[in-house]
Protein backbone atom coordinates (compact mmCIF):
# COMPACT_ATOMS: atom_id res chain seq x y z
CA UNK A 1 -30.19 163.27 224.09
CA UNK A 2 -28.68 166.90 222.68
CA UNK A 3 -25.41 167.43 224.21
CA UNK A 4 -24.66 170.34 222.96
CA UNK A 5 -22.62 173.09 224.43
CA UNK A 6 -23.49 175.97 225.17
CA UNK A 7 -21.88 179.20 224.21
CA UNK A 8 -21.11 181.16 226.60
CA UNK A 9 -21.74 184.87 225.88
CA UNK A 10 -19.44 187.67 226.86
CA UNK A 11 -21.13 189.71 229.51
CA UNK A 12 -19.67 192.95 230.34
CA UNK A 13 -18.66 193.86 233.85
CA UNK A 14 -19.86 195.74 236.24
CA UNK A 15 -20.04 199.19 236.77
CA UNK A 16 -17.18 199.16 240.01
CA UNK A 17 -15.20 196.87 238.59
CA UNK A 18 -14.12 199.49 235.91
CA UNK A 19 -13.68 201.80 238.11
CA UNK A 20 -11.52 199.35 240.35
CA UNK A 21 -9.43 198.27 238.07
CA UNK A 22 -9.04 201.90 235.74
CA UNK A 23 -7.78 202.64 239.29
CA UNK A 24 -5.04 200.56 239.87
CA UNK A 25 -3.82 201.03 236.11
CA UNK A 26 -3.68 204.73 237.28
CA UNK A 27 -2.03 203.81 240.77
CA UNK A 28 0.44 201.04 238.30
CA UNK A 29 1.24 203.41 235.69
CA UNK A 30 1.74 206.82 238.80
CA UNK A 31 5.26 204.86 239.10
CA UNK A 32 5.96 204.75 235.71
CA UNK A 33 5.34 208.89 234.80
CA UNK A 34 8.51 210.99 235.46
CA UNK A 35 8.01 213.92 238.45
CA UNK A 36 4.46 212.53 239.11
CA UNK A 37 4.13 211.11 243.25
CA UNK A 38 4.11 206.80 242.76
CA UNK A 39 0.58 206.12 244.37
CA UNK A 40 1.07 203.61 247.08
CA UNK A 41 -0.61 200.43 248.19
CA UNK A 42 -3.08 202.81 251.22
CA UNK A 43 -3.47 205.65 248.35
CA UNK A 44 -4.87 202.80 246.15
CA UNK A 45 -7.66 201.36 249.41
CA UNK A 46 -7.83 204.99 250.66
CA UNK A 47 -9.32 206.23 246.77
CA UNK A 48 -12.82 205.38 247.64
CA UNK A 49 -13.13 207.02 250.92
CA UNK A 50 -11.47 210.15 250.03
CA UNK A 51 -13.85 210.33 247.01
CA UNK A 52 -16.76 209.92 249.16
CA UNK A 53 -16.08 211.64 251.63
CA UNK A 54 -14.80 215.03 249.47
CA UNK A 55 -18.35 214.18 247.52
CA UNK A 56 -21.12 213.82 250.58
CA UNK A 57 -22.26 217.50 250.21
CA UNK A 58 -23.72 216.22 246.32
CA UNK A 59 -24.79 212.92 247.56
CA UNK A 60 -26.75 214.76 250.46
CA UNK A 61 -27.85 217.34 248.17
CA UNK A 62 -29.29 214.44 245.78
CA UNK A 63 -30.56 212.55 248.95
CA UNK A 64 -32.67 215.74 249.79
CA UNK A 65 -34.02 216.89 246.71
CA UNK A 66 -35.07 212.91 245.80
CA UNK A 67 -36.54 212.63 249.25
CA UNK A 68 -39.04 216.79 248.17
CA UNK A 69 -39.60 215.47 245.06
CA UNK A 70 -41.24 211.64 246.58
CA UNK A 71 -42.91 213.80 249.88
CA UNK A 72 -44.62 216.21 246.57
CA UNK A 73 -46.16 214.42 244.19
């Protein structure tokens, strides 16, 4: 019987976790920068939604090109 403890290996966080952490850090730091408009909680929550809303044209274009290439090949 081997009772050796397995050493946990370090797992990198997902891309969504990294983006969430960076967004939270920037929202907090915006309160300490003079001359900057502090980010509120609603700004932090709405950031991904506003980002998707502003880039929906590019997302649809990429989907259309992918569909076109999928049909032609």
